[in-house]
């Protein structure tokens, strides 16, 4: 059994990321750890940073979220040390993932971000993924940051409608 709590939090994080075939966001991981009262926000952030520094996780950051994925090295580490996580904690994580898998996957499958282009306008990047495969990607140029932020917000609620419209329009025979 583990005596160092930060090591346990690292292994728990690796376990959760190994159990899903999509990245988890910082807020999704934080939600699990805080809701189940395993640790504090700051201790979890320390564990995540140490996992990143060790190359056991990789992250993808956007202006509104950070997504984490386990690396091959992280999987190997988990295969060596994962048995040190108590069965009760494994059951908590498995139950959480089972109950929330659909919501978690949907939250990370829709991506909306923006950046300033060389011509001083903003490029809004919108994407829907199935696992790691993009279903649709859309890059739009807008004149200011406020419009870029508004489009990112709208993408979260309108992406399915937009995707259906594009598919229907492009697949129609007329």
Protein backbone atom coordinates (compact mmCIF):
# COMPACT_ATOMS: atom_id res chain seq x y z
CA UNK A 1 0.00 0.00 0.00
CA UNK A 2 1.16 3.53 -0.75
CA UNK A 3 2.31 5.84 2.03
CA UNK A 4 2.90 8.94 -0.14
CA UNK A 5 -0.47 10.57 -1.00
CA UNK A 6 0.86 12.51 -4.04
CA UNK A 7 2.02 9.22 -5.58
CA UNK A 8 -1.48 7.82 -5.08
CA UNK A 9 -3.05 10.85 -6.80
CA UNK A 10 -0.66 10.45 -9.72
CA UNK A 11 -1.52 6.76 -10.09
CA UNK A 12 -5.23 7.53 -9.79
CA UNK A 13 -4.92 10.14 -12.56
CA UNK A 14 -3.06 7.70 -14.80
CA UNK A 15 -5.68 5.04 -14.08
CA UNK A 16 -8.58 7.32 -15.00
CA UNK A 17 -6.92 8.44 -18.23
CA UNK A 18 -6.12 4.84 -19.16
CA UNK A 19 -9.75 3.79 -18.65
CA UNK A 20 -11.12 6.25 -21.24
CA UNK A 21 -10.26 6.51 -24.93
CA UNK A 22 -10.41 10.29 -24.93
CA UNK A 23 -8.65 13.07 -23.02
CA UNK A 24 -10.01 14.40 -19.74
CA UNK A 25 -9.97 18.07 -18.89
CA UNK A 26 -8.42 19.59 -15.83
CA UNK A 27 -11.90 20.47 -14.56
CA UNK A 28 -13.17 16.89 -15.09
CA UNK A 29 -10.26 15.42 -13.13
CA UNK A 30 -10.56 18.10 -10.46
CA UNK A 31 -14.27 17.45 -10.15
CA UNK A 32 -13.69 13.76 -9.41
CA UNK A 33 -10.93 14.35 -6.84
CA UNK A 34 -12.76 17.15 -5.03
CA UNK A 35 -16.24 15.60 -5.16
CA UNK A 36 -14.88 12.39 -3.64
CA UNK A 37 -12.75 14.40 -1.19
CA UNK A 38 -9.50 12.66 -2.14
CA UNK A 39 -7.38 15.80 -2.17
CA UNK A 40 -7.32 19.56 -2.65
CA UNK A 41 -7.22 21.44 -5.92
CA UNK A 42 -3.63 22.57 -5.40
CA UNK A 43 -2.33 19.12 -4.53
CA UNK A 44 -3.97 17.69 -7.65
CA UNK A 45 -2.40 20.43 -9.78
CA UNK A 46 0.99 19.54 -8.28
CA UNK A 47 0.42 15.87 -9.18
CA UNK A 48 -0.60 16.77 -12.74
CA UNK A 49 2.44 19.00 -13.21
CA UNK A 50 4.77 16.29 -11.91
CA UNK A 51 3.18 13.75 -14.28
CA UNK A 52 3.68 16.16 -17.19
CA UNK A 53 7.31 16.84 -16.24
CA UNK A 54 7.96 13.10 -16.05
CA UNK A 55 6.44 12.58 -19.51
CA UNK A 56 3.66 10.34 -18.19
CA UNK A 57 0.95 12.71 -19.42
CA UNK A 58 0.65 15.08 -22.32
CA UNK A 59 -1.57 18.12 -22.35
CA UNK A 60 -3.36 20.20 -24.91
CA UNK A 61 -4.25 23.68 -23.71
CA UNK A 62 -6.75 26.10 -25.21
CA UNK A 63 -7.98 29.43 -23.94
CA UNK A 64 -10.74 27.82 -21.89
CA UNK A 65 -9.54 24.34 -20.93
CA UNK A 66 -6.62 21.95 -20.60
CA UNK A 67 -6.99 18.34 -21.75
CA UNK A 68 -4.79 15.52 -20.50
CA UNK A 69 -3.94 12.19 -22.12
CA UNK A 70 -1.82 9.36 -20.81
CA UNK A 71 1.41 8.66 -22.72
CA UNK A 72 2.89 5.26 -23.49
CA UNK A 73 5.34 5.85 -20.62
CA UNK A 74 2.38 6.63 -18.37
CA UNK A 75 0.70 3.37 -19.36
CA UNK A 76 3.90 1.45 -18.61
CA UNK A 77 4.23 3.14 -15.22
CA UNK A 78 0.62 2.31 -14.42
CA UNK A 79 1.15 -1.33 -15.40
CA UNK A 80 4.04 -1.54 -12.91
CA UNK A 81 2.50 0.37 -10.00
CA UNK A 82 -1.27 0.41 -10.61
CA UNK A 83 -1.86 -2.53 -8.26
CA UNK A 84 -0.91 -0.21 -5.38
CA UNK A 85 -4.22 1.65 -5.76
CA UNK A 86 -6.67 0.20 -3.26
CA UNK A 87 -9.62 -1.74 -4.71
CA UNK A 88 -12.04 0.67 -3.00
CA UNK A 89 -10.51 3.64 -4.83
CA UNK A 90 -10.49 1.72 -8.12
CA UNK A 91 -14.20 1.02 -7.58
CA UNK A 92 -14.84 4.76 -6.96
CA UNK A 93 -13.06 5.69 -10.19
CA UNK A 94 -14.73 2.93 -12.23
CA UNK A 95 -18.16 3.92 -10.91
CA UNK A 96 -17.55 7.61 -11.66
CA UNK A 97 -16.38 6.85 -15.19
CA UNK A 98 -19.28 4.46 -15.81
CA UNK A 99 -21.87 7.00 -14.62
CA UNK A 100 -20.29 9.97 -16.42
CA UNK A 101 -18.59 8.50 -19.51
CA UNK A 102 -21.09 9.92 -22.02
CA UNK A 103 -21.04 13.41 -20.48
CA UNK A 104 -17.24 13.42 -20.14
CA UNK A 105 -16.75 12.30 -23.74
CA UNK A 106 -19.17 14.91 -25.05
CA UNK A 107 -17.47 17.66 -23.07
CA UNK A 108 -14.07 16.93 -24.60
CA UNK A 109 -15.24 16.07 -28.11
CA UNK A 110 -16.33 19.65 -28.84
CA UNK A 111 -13.46 22.09 -29.21
CA UNK A 112 -13.67 25.84 -29.77
CA UNK A 113 -10.65 28.09 -29.51
CA UNK A 114 -9.27 31.21 -31.14
CA UNK A 115 -5.98 32.94 -31.75
CA UNK A 116 -4.78 36.21 -33.22
CA UNK A 117 -3.62 35.89 -36.83
CA UNK A 118 -0.73 37.70 -38.49
CA UNK A 119 -3.19 40.10 -40.15
CA UNK A 120 -4.44 41.17 -36.68
CA UNK A 121 -7.86 39.57 -36.98
CA UNK A 122 -8.81 36.46 -34.97
CA UNK A 123 -9.09 32.90 -36.24
CA UNK A 124 -11.80 30.86 -34.55
CA UNK A 125 -11.08 27.12 -34.66
CA UNK A 126 -14.11 24.89 -34.11
CA UNK A 127 -13.94 21.12 -34.07
CA UNK A 128 -15.91 18.02 -33.16
CA UNK A 129 -13.96 14.81 -32.54
CA UNK A 130 -14.93 11.20 -32.14
CA UNK A 131 -12.13 9.96 -29.92
CA UNK A 132 -9.04 11.40 -31.61
CA UNK A 133 -10.61 11.55 -35.09
CA UNK A 134 -11.97 14.91 -36.23
CA UNK A 135 -15.53 14.71 -37.61
CA UNK A 136 -15.60 18.37 -38.61
CA UNK A 137 -13.12 21.24 -38.39
CA UNK A 138 -13.95 24.82 -39.16
CA UNK A 139 -11.65 27.86 -39.13
CA UNK A 140 -13.26 31.28 -39.43
CA UNK A 141 -11.72 34.73 -39.49
CA UNK A 142 -13.40 37.43 -37.38
CA UNK A 143 -12.33 41.04 -36.78
CA UNK A 144 -12.22 41.14 -32.97
CA UNK A 145 -11.78 39.13 -29.78
CA UNK A 146 -15.39 39.62 -28.62
CA UNK A 147 -16.74 37.99 -31.78
CA UNK A 148 -14.22 35.18 -31.45
CA UNK A 149 -15.31 34.51 -27.86
CA UNK A 150 -19.00 34.64 -28.85
CA UNK A 151 -18.44 32.16 -31.68
CA UNK A 152 -16.60 29.77 -29.37
CA UNK A 153 -19.52 29.89 -26.92
CA UNK A 154 -22.09 29.32 -29.67
CA UNK A 155 -20.13 26.38 -31.10
CA UNK A 156 -20.58 24.53 -27.82
CA UNK A 157 -24.37 24.70 -28.15
CA UNK A 158 -24.83 24.68 -31.95
CA UNK A 159 -22.17 22.24 -33.23
CA UNK A 160 -24.55 19.32 -33.78
CA UNK A 161 -26.96 21.50 -35.73
CA UNK A 162 -24.12 22.93 -37.86
CA UNK A 163 -22.64 19.48 -38.50
CA UNK A 164 -26.05 18.10 -39.54
CA UNK A 165 -26.60 21.08 -41.88
CA UNK A 166 -23.19 20.67 -43.53
CA UNK A 167 -23.66 16.91 -43.98
CA UNK A 168 -27.19 17.29 -45.36
CA UNK A 169 -26.14 20.08 -47.73
CA UNK A 170 -23.06 18.29 -49.03
CA UNK A 171 -24.80 14.93 -49.37
CA UNK A 172 -27.90 16.23 -51.15
CA UNK A 173 -28.22 15.21 -54.79
CA UNK A 174 -29.59 18.52 -56.07
